[in-house]
Amino acid sequence: MGLLSWGMATFYDAVMRKAESSSLGAWREELLKNITGEVLEIGAGTGVNLNYYPDTVTSLTLSEPDQQMRRQLTKKSAETKLPHQIVAAAAEKLPFPDQSFDVAVVTLVLCSVEHPERCLDELHRVLKPGGKLAVIEHVGAAEQQNVYKWQKRIEPFWKRCAGNCHLTRDTLTTMQDNGFNCDNMQRDSMRGATFFVAPTIRGIAEKS
């Protein structure tokens, strides 16, 4: 597990480079350009989102439980001028008081957490009333049955080699079931990604 963690942290940015240049980079910019106030990002990884946070963010808390990822995150965060802190916390057990943040940011994280329902419960808890949840997540292709069949076939192997990443999760429904208004979420296809990872949801949900 230590070797896998090191490999993912070391090569993650390189592996994702094509998707970032083809679609993800523009999506991150669009997602984050208007956020303001006190912001929590869970599963901050290597810090890919850091380049897209606007000056309207008054404080940025970066939560990342993986030690190898935190090393990369620490290096990259040294370049940001935003007031920030890095916290080693699991998404299912956030060490913050209720109603602490204006915005929570979750990008390509809910696919790999152990308990997405608990994670979303925690995000709902720490967001202020009317708080925003900014999301980019790859999901199960329920509306594309041929793709979905391949996702189900590949998923058992994929989870083992890609840090518990699930291919078939219905994250949009899970968000709705855990107290978020998802009317502004949209489905898309991640260009530059392999077909079984491409089905995506993205947008801003609101704590209801």
N, C-alpha and C. Protein backbone atom coordinates (compact mmCIF):
# COMPACT_ATOMS: atom_id res chain seq x y z
N MET A 1 0.83 -1.21 0.00
CA MET A 1 0.00 0.00 0.00
C MET A 1 0.87 1.26 0.00
N GLY A 2 2.03 1.21 0.74
CA GLY A 2 2.92 2.34 0.75
C GLY A 2 3.49 2.64 -0.62
N LEU A 3 3.86 1.59 -1.36
CA LEU A 3 4.39 1.76 -2.71
C LEU A 3 3.33 2.32 -3.65
N LEU A 4 2.09 1.82 -3.53
CA LEU A 4 1.01 2.32 -4.35
C LEU A 4 0.75 3.79 -4.06
N SER A 5 0.74 4.15 -2.78
CA SER A 5 0.53 5.53 -2.39
C SER A 5 1.62 6.43 -2.96
N TRP A 6 2.87 5.98 -2.86
CA TRP A 6 3.98 6.76 -3.40
C TRP A 6 3.84 6.92 -4.92
N GLY A 7 3.49 5.85 -5.60
CA GLY A 7 3.35 5.89 -7.05
C GLY A 7 2.24 6.83 -7.49
N MET A 8 1.11 6.78 -6.81
CA MET A 8 -0.01 7.66 -7.18
C MET A 8 0.35 9.12 -6.96
N ALA A 9 1.00 9.41 -5.82
CA ALA A 9 1.38 10.79 -5.53
C ALA A 9 2.43 11.31 -6.51
N THR A 10 3.36 10.45 -6.88
CA THR A 10 4.47 10.85 -7.74
C THR A 10 4.03 11.06 -9.19
N PHE A 11 3.16 10.19 -9.67
CA PHE A 11 2.83 10.20 -11.09
C PHE A 11 1.43 10.72 -11.41
N TYR A 12 0.66 11.10 -10.39
CA TYR A 12 -0.73 11.50 -10.60
C TYR A 12 -0.84 12.65 -11.61
N ASP A 13 -0.08 13.71 -11.41
CA ASP A 13 -0.19 14.87 -12.30
C ASP A 13 0.16 14.51 -13.74
N ALA A 14 1.17 13.65 -13.92
CA ALA A 14 1.57 13.25 -15.27
C ALA A 14 0.49 12.40 -15.93
N VAL A 15 -0.10 11.48 -15.17
CA VAL A 15 -1.14 10.61 -15.71
C VAL A 15 -2.37 11.42 -16.13
N MET A 16 -2.66 12.47 -15.37
CA MET A 16 -3.87 13.26 -15.62
C MET A 16 -3.65 14.42 -16.60
N ARG A 17 -2.44 14.58 -17.10
CA ARG A 17 -2.11 15.77 -17.89
C ARG A 17 -2.99 15.94 -19.12
N LYS A 18 -3.25 14.85 -19.83
CA LYS A 18 -4.07 14.95 -21.04
C LYS A 18 -5.48 15.38 -20.72
N ALA A 19 -6.08 14.78 -19.69
CA ALA A 19 -7.44 15.16 -19.29
C ALA A 19 -7.47 16.60 -18.79
N GLU A 20 -6.43 17.01 -18.06
CA GLU A 20 -6.39 18.38 -17.56
C GLU A 20 -6.37 19.38 -18.72
N SER A 21 -5.56 19.12 -19.73
CA SER A 21 -5.46 20.06 -20.85
C SER A 21 -6.67 19.99 -21.77
N SER A 22 -7.33 18.84 -21.83
CA SER A 22 -8.47 18.67 -22.73
C SER A 22 -9.79 19.15 -22.14
N SER A 23 -9.96 19.03 -20.82
CA SER A 23 -11.25 19.39 -20.23
C SER A 23 -11.17 19.80 -18.77
N LEU A 24 -10.44 19.04 -17.96
CA LEU A 24 -10.48 19.26 -16.52
C LEU A 24 -10.00 20.64 -16.10
N GLY A 25 -8.94 21.13 -16.73
CA GLY A 25 -8.44 22.45 -16.37
C GLY A 25 -9.49 23.53 -16.55
N ALA A 26 -10.17 23.51 -17.68
CA ALA A 26 -11.24 24.49 -17.94
C ALA A 26 -12.39 24.31 -16.97
N TRP A 27 -12.72 23.06 -16.65
CA TRP A 27 -13.79 22.79 -15.68
C TRP A 27 -13.43 23.33 -14.30
N ARG A 28 -12.19 23.10 -13.88
CA ARG A 28 -11.77 23.60 -12.56
C ARG A 28 -11.87 25.13 -12.51
N GLU A 29 -11.41 25.78 -13.57
CA GLU A 29 -11.47 27.24 -13.62
C GLU A 29 -12.90 27.73 -13.51
N GLU A 30 -13.80 27.13 -14.28
CA GLU A 30 -15.20 27.52 -14.25
C GLU A 30 -15.82 27.27 -12.89
N LEU A 31 -15.48 26.13 -12.28
CA LEU A 31 -16.07 25.73 -11.00
C LEU A 31 -15.69 26.68 -9.87
N LEU A 32 -14.44 27.13 -9.88
CA LEU A 32 -13.89 27.83 -8.72
C LEU A 32 -13.81 29.35 -8.87
N LYS A 33 -14.05 29.88 -10.04
CA LYS A 33 -13.75 31.29 -10.30
C LYS A 33 -14.59 32.25 -9.46
N ASN A 34 -15.78 31.84 -9.02
CA ASN A 34 -16.66 32.75 -8.30
C ASN A 34 -16.83 32.42 -6.83
N ILE A 35 -16.07 31.47 -6.31
CA ILE A 35 -16.27 31.11 -4.91
C ILE A 35 -15.61 32.15 -4.00
N THR A 36 -16.20 32.30 -2.82
CA THR A 36 -15.75 33.33 -1.88
C THR A 36 -15.77 32.78 -0.45
N GLY A 37 -15.07 33.48 0.43
CA GLY A 37 -15.16 33.20 1.86
C GLY A 37 -14.24 32.10 2.33
N GLU A 38 -14.69 31.40 3.36
CA GLU A 38 -13.91 30.34 3.98
C GLU A 38 -14.17 29.02 3.25
N VAL A 39 -13.12 28.42 2.73
CA VAL A 39 -13.25 27.28 1.82
C VAL A 39 -12.52 26.07 2.39
N LEU A 40 -13.19 24.93 2.29
CA LEU A 40 -12.59 23.63 2.62
C LEU A 40 -12.49 22.81 1.36
N GLU A 41 -11.30 22.27 1.08
CA GLU A 41 -11.16 21.29 0.01
C GLU A 41 -10.78 19.96 0.64
N ILE A 42 -11.57 18.92 0.37
CA ILE A 42 -11.22 17.59 0.89
C ILE A 42 -10.54 16.79 -0.21
N GLY A 43 -9.64 15.89 0.20
CA GLY A 43 -8.90 15.11 -0.78
C GLY A 43 -8.13 16.01 -1.73
N ALA A 44 -7.42 16.98 -1.17
CA ALA A 44 -6.76 17.99 -2.00
C ALA A 44 -5.64 17.42 -2.85
N GLY A 45 -5.19 16.19 -2.56
CA GLY A 45 -4.23 15.50 -3.41
C GLY A 45 -2.92 16.24 -3.59
N THR A 46 -2.50 16.40 -4.83
CA THR A 46 -1.24 17.08 -5.13
C THR A 46 -1.41 18.59 -5.24
N GLY A 47 -2.64 19.08 -5.05
CA GLY A 47 -2.87 20.53 -5.09
C GLY A 47 -3.19 21.08 -6.45
N VAL A 48 -3.82 20.27 -7.29
CA VAL A 48 -4.11 20.72 -8.66
C VAL A 48 -5.02 21.94 -8.67
N ASN A 49 -5.95 22.03 -7.72
CA ASN A 49 -6.90 23.15 -7.71
C ASN A 49 -6.29 24.47 -7.28
N LEU A 50 -5.11 24.44 -6.69
CA LEU A 50 -4.54 25.67 -6.12
C LEU A 50 -4.40 26.79 -7.14
N ASN A 51 -4.13 26.45 -8.39
CA ASN A 51 -3.95 27.48 -9.42
C ASN A 51 -5.25 28.17 -9.80
N TYR A 52 -6.38 27.65 -9.35
CA TYR A 52 -7.67 28.16 -9.81
C TYR A 52 -8.46 28.91 -8.74
N TYR A 53 -7.96 28.95 -7.51
CA TYR A 53 -8.69 29.67 -6.46
C TYR A 53 -8.54 31.18 -6.63
N PRO A 54 -9.65 31.92 -6.58
CA PRO A 54 -9.58 33.38 -6.74
C PRO A 54 -9.20 34.08 -5.43
N ASP A 55 -8.89 35.36 -5.53
CA ASP A 55 -8.50 36.15 -4.37
C ASP A 55 -9.67 36.37 -3.40
N THR A 56 -10.87 36.08 -3.84
CA THR A 56 -12.05 36.24 -2.97
C THR A 56 -12.12 35.16 -1.88
N VAL A 57 -11.27 34.15 -1.97
CA VAL A 57 -11.18 33.14 -0.90
C VAL A 57 -10.41 33.76 0.26
N THR A 58 -11.06 33.85 1.44
CA THR A 58 -10.43 34.49 2.59
C THR A 58 -9.60 33.52 3.42
N SER A 59 -9.95 32.25 3.38
CA SER A 59 -9.13 31.21 4.02
C SER A 59 -9.38 29.90 3.32
N LEU A 60 -8.32 29.09 3.21
CA LEU A 60 -8.40 27.83 2.48
C LEU A 60 -7.84 26.72 3.35
N THR A 61 -8.69 25.75 3.65
CA THR A 61 -8.28 24.57 4.42
C THR A 61 -8.19 23.39 3.47
N LEU A 62 -7.02 22.80 3.37
CA LEU A 62 -6.77 21.69 2.45
C LEU A 62 -6.64 20.41 3.27
N SER A 63 -7.61 19.53 3.11
CA SER A 63 -7.62 18.28 3.87
C SER A 63 -7.15 17.14 2.97
N GLU A 64 -6.13 16.42 3.39
CA GLU A 64 -5.58 15.31 2.61
C GLU A 64 -5.03 14.25 3.56
N PRO A 65 -5.64 13.06 3.62
CA PRO A 65 -5.22 12.04 4.58
C PRO A 65 -3.97 11.27 4.18
N ASP A 66 -3.63 11.25 2.89
CA ASP A 66 -2.51 10.44 2.43
C ASP A 66 -1.19 11.19 2.60
N GLN A 67 -0.24 10.58 3.30
CA GLN A 67 1.03 11.24 3.59
C GLN A 67 1.81 11.60 2.34
N GLN A 68 1.84 10.69 1.37
CA GLN A 68 2.59 10.95 0.14
C GLN A 68 1.96 12.10 -0.66
N MET A 69 0.64 12.11 -0.73
CA MET A 69 -0.03 13.21 -1.41
C MET A 69 0.23 14.53 -0.68
N ARG A 70 0.23 14.50 0.66
CA ARG A 70 0.46 15.73 1.43
C ARG A 70 1.84 16.33 1.15
N ARG A 71 2.82 15.48 0.91
CA ARG A 71 4.14 16.00 0.58
C ARG A 71 4.11 16.82 -0.70
N GLN A 72 3.42 16.29 -1.72
CA GLN A 72 3.29 17.04 -2.97
C GLN A 72 2.47 18.31 -2.75
N LEU A 73 1.42 18.19 -1.97
CA LEU A 73 0.53 19.32 -1.69
C LEU A 73 1.29 20.43 -0.95
N THR A 74 2.11 20.06 0.00
CA THR A 74 2.88 21.05 0.76
C THR A 74 3.82 21.83 -0.14
N LYS A 75 4.49 21.13 -1.05
CA LYS A 75 5.39 21.80 -2.00
C LYS A 75 4.63 22.80 -2.87
N LYS A 76 3.49 22.36 -3.40
CA LYS A 76 2.74 23.21 -4.31
C LYS A 76 2.08 24.37 -3.58
N SER A 77 1.61 24.13 -2.36
CA SER A 77 0.90 25.18 -1.63
C SER A 77 1.82 26.31 -1.20
N ALA A 78 3.12 26.06 -1.17
CA ALA A 78 4.07 27.10 -0.80
C ALA A 78 4.06 28.25 -1.80
N GLU A 79 3.52 28.01 -2.99
CA GLU A 79 3.51 29.03 -4.04
C GLU A 79 2.25 29.89 -4.03
N THR A 80 1.23 29.49 -3.24
CA THR A 80 -0.01 30.26 -3.22
C THR A 80 0.08 31.39 -2.21
N LYS A 81 -0.54 32.52 -2.53
CA LYS A 81 -0.57 33.67 -1.63
C LYS A 81 -1.80 33.65 -0.73
N LEU A 82 -2.71 32.72 -0.97
CA LEU A 82 -3.92 32.64 -0.15
C LEU A 82 -3.58 32.13 1.24
N PRO A 83 -4.21 32.66 2.28
CA PRO A 83 -4.03 32.10 3.62
C PRO A 83 -4.58 30.67 3.66
N HIS A 84 -3.75 29.73 4.06
CA HIS A 84 -4.18 28.34 3.96
C HIS A 84 -3.53 27.50 5.06
N GLN A 85 -4.14 26.33 5.28
CA GLN A 85 -3.58 25.33 6.17
C GLN A 85 -3.84 23.95 5.57
N ILE A 86 -2.95 23.01 5.89
CA ILE A 86 -3.09 21.63 5.43
C ILE A 86 -3.40 20.75 6.63
N VAL A 87 -4.43 19.93 6.50
CA VAL A 87 -4.90 19.09 7.59
C VAL A 87 -4.91 17.64 7.13
N ALA A 88 -4.41 16.75 7.96
CA ALA A 88 -4.42 15.31 7.65
C ALA A 88 -5.68 14.70 8.23
N ALA A 89 -6.77 14.75 7.46
CA ALA A 89 -8.06 14.27 7.97
C ALA A 89 -8.77 13.43 6.93
N ALA A 90 -9.41 12.36 7.39
CA ALA A 90 -10.25 11.56 6.51
C ALA A 90 -11.54 12.30 6.22
N ALA A 91 -12.05 12.14 5.01
CA ALA A 91 -13.26 12.85 4.60
C ALA A 91 -14.48 12.44 5.42
N GLU A 92 -14.45 11.23 5.98
CA GLU A 92 -15.59 10.73 6.76
C GLU A 92 -15.59 11.22 8.21
N LYS A 93 -14.51 11.89 8.63
CA LYS A 93 -14.41 12.36 10.01
C LYS A 93 -13.62 13.66 10.03
N LEU A 94 -14.28 14.75 9.69
CA LEU A 94 -13.62 16.04 9.57
C LEU A 94 -13.52 16.71 10.94
N PRO A 95 -12.34 17.21 11.30
CA PRO A 95 -12.11 17.78 12.64
C PRO A 95 -12.47 19.25 12.73
N PHE A 96 -13.65 19.62 12.26
CA PHE A 96 -14.05 21.01 12.24
C PHE A 96 -15.42 21.16 12.89
N PRO A 97 -15.69 22.30 13.54
CA PRO A 97 -17.00 22.53 14.13
C PRO A 97 -18.10 22.62 13.08
N ASP A 98 -19.33 22.46 13.51
CA ASP A 98 -20.48 22.63 12.62
C ASP A 98 -20.46 24.03 12.02
N GLN A 99 -20.93 24.12 10.78
CA GLN A 99 -21.13 25.39 10.08
C GLN A 99 -19.87 26.26 10.07
N SER A 100 -18.77 25.66 9.67
CA SER A 100 -17.48 26.36 9.66
C SER A 100 -17.12 27.01 8.32
N PHE A 101 -17.69 26.51 7.22
CA PHE A 101 -17.21 26.91 5.90
C PHE A 101 -18.35 27.42 5.00
N ASP A 102 -17.98 28.34 4.11
CA ASP A 102 -18.92 28.84 3.12
C ASP A 102 -19.02 27.91 1.91
N VAL A 103 -17.89 27.30 1.56
CA VAL A 103 -17.80 26.45 0.37
C VAL A 103 -16.96 25.23 0.69
N ALA A 104 -17.38 24.06 0.19
CA ALA A 104 -16.55 22.86 0.21
C ALA A 104 -16.28 22.45 -1.24
N VAL A 105 -15.04 22.08 -1.50
CA VAL A 105 -14.63 21.70 -2.86
C VAL A 105 -14.26 20.23 -2.87
N VAL A 106 -14.83 19.50 -3.82
CA VAL A 106 -14.61 18.05 -3.93
C VAL A 106 -14.40 17.73 -5.41
N THR A 107 -13.17 17.42 -5.80
CA THR A 107 -12.91 17.10 -7.20
C THR A 107 -12.19 15.76 -7.29
N LEU A 108 -12.85 14.80 -7.91
CA LEU A 108 -12.32 13.46 -8.12
C LEU A 108 -11.89 12.81 -6.79
N VAL A 109 -12.80 12.87 -5.83
CA VAL A 109 -12.55 12.34 -4.49
C VAL A 109 -13.60 11.32 -4.06
N LEU A 110 -14.87 11.61 -4.33
CA LEU A 110 -15.95 10.75 -3.85
C LEU A 110 -15.94 9.37 -4.50
N CYS A 111 -15.20 9.23 -5.58
CA CYS A 111 -15.05 7.92 -6.21
C CYS A 111 -14.22 6.97 -5.36
N SER A 112 -13.36 7.52 -4.50
CA SER A 112 -12.38 6.67 -3.81
C SER A 112 -12.50 6.64 -2.29
N VAL A 113 -13.34 7.49 -1.70
CA VAL A 113 -13.52 7.43 -0.25
C VAL A 113 -14.20 6.12 0.12
N GLU A 114 -13.95 5.65 1.34
CA GLU A 114 -14.54 4.38 1.78
C GLU A 114 -16.05 4.49 1.92
N HIS A 115 -16.53 5.61 2.44
CA HIS A 115 -17.96 5.76 2.74
C HIS A 115 -18.46 7.12 2.23
N PRO A 116 -18.89 7.19 0.97
CA PRO A 116 -19.31 8.48 0.42
C PRO A 116 -20.47 9.11 1.17
N GLU A 117 -21.37 8.29 1.73
CA GLU A 117 -22.50 8.84 2.47
C GLU A 117 -22.02 9.58 3.72
N ARG A 118 -21.10 8.97 4.45
CA ARG A 118 -20.56 9.62 5.64
C ARG A 118 -19.80 10.89 5.27
N CYS A 119 -19.07 10.82 4.20
CA CYS A 119 -18.33 11.99 3.72
C CYS A 119 -19.27 13.15 3.44
N LEU A 120 -20.35 12.89 2.74
CA LEU A 120 -21.30 13.94 2.41
C LEU A 120 -22.05 14.42 3.64
N ASP A 121 -22.32 13.54 4.59
CA ASP A 121 -22.91 13.95 5.86
C ASP A 121 -21.99 14.95 6.57
N GLU A 122 -20.68 14.65 6.56
CA GLU A 122 -19.71 15.53 7.20
C GLU A 122 -19.63 16.88 6.48
N LEU A 123 -19.65 16.85 5.16
CA LEU A 123 -19.61 18.11 4.41
C LEU A 123 -20.86 18.94 4.68
N HIS A 124 -21.99 18.27 4.76
CA HIS A 124 -23.24 18.98 5.08
C HIS A 124 -23.13 19.60 6.48
N ARG A 125 -22.55 18.90 7.41
CA ARG A 125 -22.41 19.38 8.79
C ARG A 125 -21.52 20.61 8.88
N VAL A 126 -20.38 20.61 8.19
CA VAL A 126 -19.41 21.70 8.35
C VAL A 126 -19.72 22.91 7.48
N LEU A 127 -20.66 22.79 6.54
CA LEU A 127 -21.04 23.94 5.73
C LEU A 127 -22.04 24.82 6.48
N LYS A 128 -21.91 26.11 6.26
CA LYS A 128 -22.87 27.05 6.82
C LYS A 128 -24.22 26.90 6.12
N PRO A 129 -25.31 27.39 6.71
CA PRO A 129 -26.61 27.34 6.02
C PRO A 129 -26.52 27.98 4.64
N GLY A 130 -27.00 27.26 3.64
CA GLY A 130 -26.91 27.76 2.28
C GLY A 130 -25.54 27.62 1.67
N GLY A 131 -24.64 26.91 2.35
CA GLY A 131 -23.28 26.73 1.86
C GLY A 131 -23.23 25.98 0.54
N LYS A 132 -22.15 26.17 -0.21
CA LYS A 132 -22.02 25.59 -1.53
C LYS A 132 -21.06 24.39 -1.52
N LEU A 133 -21.38 23.42 -2.36
CA LEU A 133 -20.53 22.25 -2.58
C LEU A 133 -20.12 22.24 -4.04
N ALA A 134 -18.86 22.53 -4.31
CA ALA A 134 -18.33 22.60 -5.68
C ALA A 134 -17.75 21.24 -6.06
N VAL A 135 -18.27 20.63 -7.12
CA VAL A 135 -18.02 19.21 -7.39
C VAL A 135 -17.61 18.97 -8.83
N ILE A 136 -16.56 18.15 -9.01
CA ILE A 136 -16.29 17.45 -10.27
C ILE A 136 -16.02 16.00 -9.89
N GLU A 137 -16.82 15.08 -10.38
CA GLU A 137 -16.65 13.66 -10.05
C GLU A 137 -16.96 12.79 -11.25
N HIS A 138 -16.12 11.78 -11.47
CA HIS A 138 -16.50 10.79 -12.48
C HIS A 138 -17.41 9.76 -11.82
N VAL A 139 -18.38 9.25 -12.59
CA VAL A 139 -19.48 8.46 -12.03
C VAL A 139 -19.80 7.28 -12.93
N GLY A 140 -20.70 6.45 -12.44
CA GLY A 140 -21.21 5.36 -13.25
C GLY A 140 -22.02 5.88 -14.43
N ALA A 141 -21.86 5.25 -15.57
CA ALA A 141 -22.55 5.68 -16.79
C ALA A 141 -23.91 4.99 -16.90
N ALA A 142 -24.79 5.28 -15.96
CA ALA A 142 -26.07 4.59 -15.90
C ALA A 142 -26.91 4.79 -17.15
N GLU A 143 -26.71 5.92 -17.85
CA GLU A 143 -27.49 6.20 -19.06
C GLU A 143 -26.82 5.66 -20.33
N GLN A 144 -25.64 5.05 -20.18
CA GLN A 144 -24.92 4.45 -21.31
C GLN A 144 -24.62 3.00 -20.94
N GLN A 145 -25.54 2.13 -21.21
CA GLN A 145 -25.47 0.77 -20.69
C GLN A 145 -24.23 0.01 -21.15
N ASN A 146 -23.79 0.23 -22.36
CA ASN A 146 -22.58 -0.47 -22.83
C ASN A 146 -21.35 -0.04 -22.03
N VAL A 147 -21.24 1.26 -21.78
CA VAL A 147 -20.13 1.76 -20.97
C VAL A 147 -20.25 1.26 -19.54
N TYR A 148 -21.47 1.29 -19.02
CA TYR A 148 -21.69 0.87 -17.63
C TYR A 148 -21.32 -0.60 -17.42
N LYS A 149 -21.61 -1.43 -18.40
CA LYS A 149 -21.23 -2.84 -18.31
C LYS A 149 -19.72 -3.00 -18.22
N TRP A 150 -19.00 -2.21 -19.03
CA TRP A 150 -17.54 -2.26 -18.96
C TRP A 150 -17.03 -1.74 -17.63
N GLN A 151 -17.66 -0.69 -17.11
CA GLN A 151 -17.26 -0.16 -15.81
C GLN A 151 -17.39 -1.24 -14.72
N LYS A 152 -18.48 -1.98 -14.77
CA LYS A 152 -18.70 -3.04 -13.76
C LYS A 152 -17.67 -4.15 -13.90
N ARG A 153 -17.29 -4.47 -15.14
CA ARG A 153 -16.30 -5.52 -15.36
C ARG A 153 -14.92 -5.09 -14.86
N ILE A 154 -14.56 -3.84 -15.12
CA ILE A 154 -13.22 -3.34 -14.83
C ILE A 154 -13.06 -2.95 -13.36
N GLU A 155 -14.13 -2.56 -12.71
CA GLU A 155 -14.06 -1.95 -11.38
C GLU A 155 -13.30 -2.78 -10.33
N PRO A 156 -13.51 -4.10 -10.21
CA PRO A 156 -12.79 -4.84 -9.16
C PRO A 156 -11.27 -4.72 -9.28
N PHE A 157 -10.76 -4.79 -10.50
CA PHE A 157 -9.32 -4.62 -10.71
C PHE A 157 -8.90 -3.17 -10.52
N TRP A 158 -9.70 -2.25 -11.05
CA TRP A 158 -9.38 -0.83 -11.01
C TRP A 158 -9.26 -0.32 -9.57
N LYS A 159 -10.15 -0.77 -8.70
CA LYS A 159 -10.10 -0.34 -7.30
C LYS A 159 -8.76 -0.69 -6.65
N ARG A 160 -8.24 -1.85 -6.99
CA ARG A 160 -7.00 -2.31 -6.36
C ARG A 160 -5.77 -1.53 -6.86
N CYS A 161 -5.79 -1.13 -8.12
CA CYS A 161 -4.60 -0.48 -8.68
C CYS A 161 -4.73 1.04 -8.74
N ALA A 162 -5.89 1.58 -8.41
CA ALA A 162 -6.10 3.03 -8.53
C ALA A 162 -6.60 3.64 -7.22
N GLY A 163 -6.09 3.15 -6.10
CA GLY A 163 -6.39 3.79 -4.82
C GLY A 163 -7.84 3.77 -4.41
N ASN A 164 -8.51 2.62 -4.59
CA ASN A 164 -9.91 2.43 -4.21
C ASN A 164 -10.88 3.24 -5.07
N CYS A 165 -10.47 3.62 -6.24
CA CYS A 165 -11.33 4.38 -7.14
C CYS A 165 -12.43 3.48 -7.70
N HIS A 166 -13.69 3.89 -7.47
CA HIS A 166 -14.85 3.16 -7.97
C HIS A 166 -15.32 3.78 -9.28
N LEU A 167 -15.77 2.95 -10.18
CA LEU A 167 -16.22 3.42 -11.49
C LEU A 167 -17.74 3.55 -11.61
N THR A 168 -18.49 2.92 -10.72
CA THR A 168 -19.94 2.80 -10.93
C THR A 168 -20.77 3.55 -9.90
N ARG A 169 -20.17 4.39 -9.09
CA ARG A 169 -20.94 5.08 -8.06
C ARG A 169 -21.91 6.09 -8.66
N ASP A 170 -23.11 6.14 -8.06
CA ASP A 170 -24.13 7.12 -8.45
C ASP A 170 -24.03 8.30 -7.49
N THR A 171 -23.00 9.10 -7.67
CA THR A 171 -22.68 10.16 -6.73
C THR A 171 -23.74 11.26 -6.70
N LEU A 172 -24.37 11.53 -7.81
CA LEU A 172 -25.40 12.57 -7.84
C LEU A 172 -26.56 12.21 -6.92
N THR A 173 -27.02 10.98 -7.00
CA THR A 173 -28.10 10.53 -6.12
C THR A 173 -27.66 10.56 -4.66
N THR A 174 -26.45 10.14 -4.39
CA THR A 174 -25.94 10.16 -3.02
C THR A 174 -25.89 11.57 -2.47
N MET A 175 -25.51 12.54 -3.28
CA MET A 175 -25.52 13.93 -2.86
C MET A 175 -26.93 14.40 -2.51
N GLN A 176 -27.87 14.06 -3.37
CA GLN A 176 -29.26 14.46 -3.13
C GLN A 176 -29.81 13.82 -1.86
N ASP A 177 -29.46 12.56 -1.65
CA ASP A 177 -29.96 11.83 -0.48
C ASP A 177 -29.33 12.33 0.82
N ASN A 178 -28.23 13.06 0.71
CA ASN A 178 -27.53 13.53 1.90
C ASN A 178 -27.61 15.04 2.07
N GLY A 179 -28.70 15.62 1.58
CA GLY A 179 -29.03 16.99 1.94
C GLY A 179 -28.52 18.09 1.03
N PHE A 180 -28.27 17.78 -0.26
CA PHE A 180 -27.79 18.81 -1.17
C PHE A 180 -28.76 18.98 -2.35
N ASN A 181 -29.02 20.24 -2.67
CA ASN A 181 -29.81 20.59 -3.84
C ASN A 181 -28.89 20.57 -5.05
N CYS A 182 -29.18 19.68 -5.98
CA CYS A 182 -28.28 19.45 -7.12
C CYS A 182 -28.86 19.93 -8.44
N ASP A 183 -29.79 20.90 -8.39
CA ASP A 183 -30.44 21.36 -9.62
C ASP A 183 -29.45 21.95 -10.62
N ASN A 184 -28.34 22.49 -10.15
CA ASN A 184 -27.37 23.13 -11.04
C ASN A 184 -26.23 22.21 -11.47
N MET A 185 -26.31 20.95 -11.07
CA MET A 185 -25.30 19.99 -11.50
C MET A 185 -25.58 19.55 -12.93
N GLN A 186 -24.54 19.23 -13.67
CA GLN A 186 -24.72 18.76 -15.04
C GLN A 186 -23.85 17.53 -15.31
N ARG A 187 -24.28 16.73 -16.26
CA ARG A 187 -23.51 15.58 -16.69
C ARG A 187 -22.66 15.96 -17.89
N ASP A 188 -21.48 15.38 -17.96
CA ASP A 188 -20.57 15.70 -19.07
C ASP A 188 -19.67 14.49 -19.30
N SER A 189 -18.81 14.59 -20.29
CA SER A 189 -17.84 13.55 -20.58
C SER A 189 -16.44 14.15 -20.49
N MET A 190 -15.59 13.54 -19.70
CA MET A 190 -14.25 14.06 -19.48
C MET A 190 -13.37 13.75 -20.69
N ARG A 191 -13.13 14.77 -21.48
CA ARG A 191 -12.29 14.59 -22.66
C ARG A 191 -10.84 14.38 -22.23
N GLY A 192 -10.15 13.52 -22.94
CA GLY A 192 -8.78 13.19 -22.58
C GLY A 192 -8.65 12.05 -21.61
N ALA A 193 -9.79 11.50 -21.17
CA ALA A 193 -9.79 10.37 -20.24
C ALA A 193 -10.25 9.12 -20.95
N THR A 194 -9.84 7.97 -20.47
CA THR A 194 -10.30 6.73 -21.05
C THR A 194 -11.81 6.58 -20.87
N PHE A 195 -12.47 5.85 -21.73
CA PHE A 195 -13.93 5.87 -21.83
C PHE A 195 -14.62 5.46 -20.53
N PHE A 196 -14.01 4.56 -19.75
CA PHE A 196 -14.72 4.08 -18.56
C PHE A 196 -14.56 5.03 -17.37
N VAL A 197 -13.74 6.06 -17.51
CA VAL A 197 -13.62 7.09 -16.47
C VAL A 197 -14.29 8.39 -16.92
N ALA A 198 -14.65 8.50 -18.17
CA ALA A 198 -15.10 9.77 -18.74
C ALA A 198 -16.44 10.29 -18.22
N PRO A 199 -17.46 9.44 -17.93
CA PRO A 199 -18.74 9.98 -17.48
C PRO A 199 -18.58 10.79 -16.19
N THR A 200 -19.08 12.01 -16.19
CA THR A 200 -18.77 12.97 -15.14
C THR A 200 -20.00 13.78 -14.75
N ILE A 201 -20.04 14.19 -13.46
CA ILE A 201 -20.97 15.23 -13.03
C ILE A 201 -20.11 16.41 -12.54
N ARG A 202 -20.64 17.63 -12.72
CA ARG A 202 -19.90 18.79 -12.28
C ARG A 202 -20.85 19.96 -12.05
N GLY A 203 -20.44 20.84 -11.16
CA GLY A 203 -21.26 22.01 -10.87
C GLY A 203 -21.26 22.36 -9.40
N ILE A 204 -22.16 23.27 -9.03
CA ILE A 204 -22.28 23.76 -7.66
C ILE A 204 -23.60 23.29 -7.08
N ALA A 205 -23.53 22.46 -6.03
CA ALA A 205 -24.71 22.06 -5.27
C ALA A 205 -24.81 22.96 -4.04
N GLU A 206 -25.98 22.97 -3.42
CA GLU A 206 -26.20 23.84 -2.26
C GLU A 206 -26.76 23.04 -1.10
N LYS A 207 -26.26 23.35 0.09
CA LYS A 207 -26.77 22.71 1.31
C LYS A 207 -28.22 23.10 1.49
N SER A 208 -29.09 22.12 1.62
CA SER A 208 -30.52 22.38 1.80
C SER A 208 -30.95 22.04 3.20
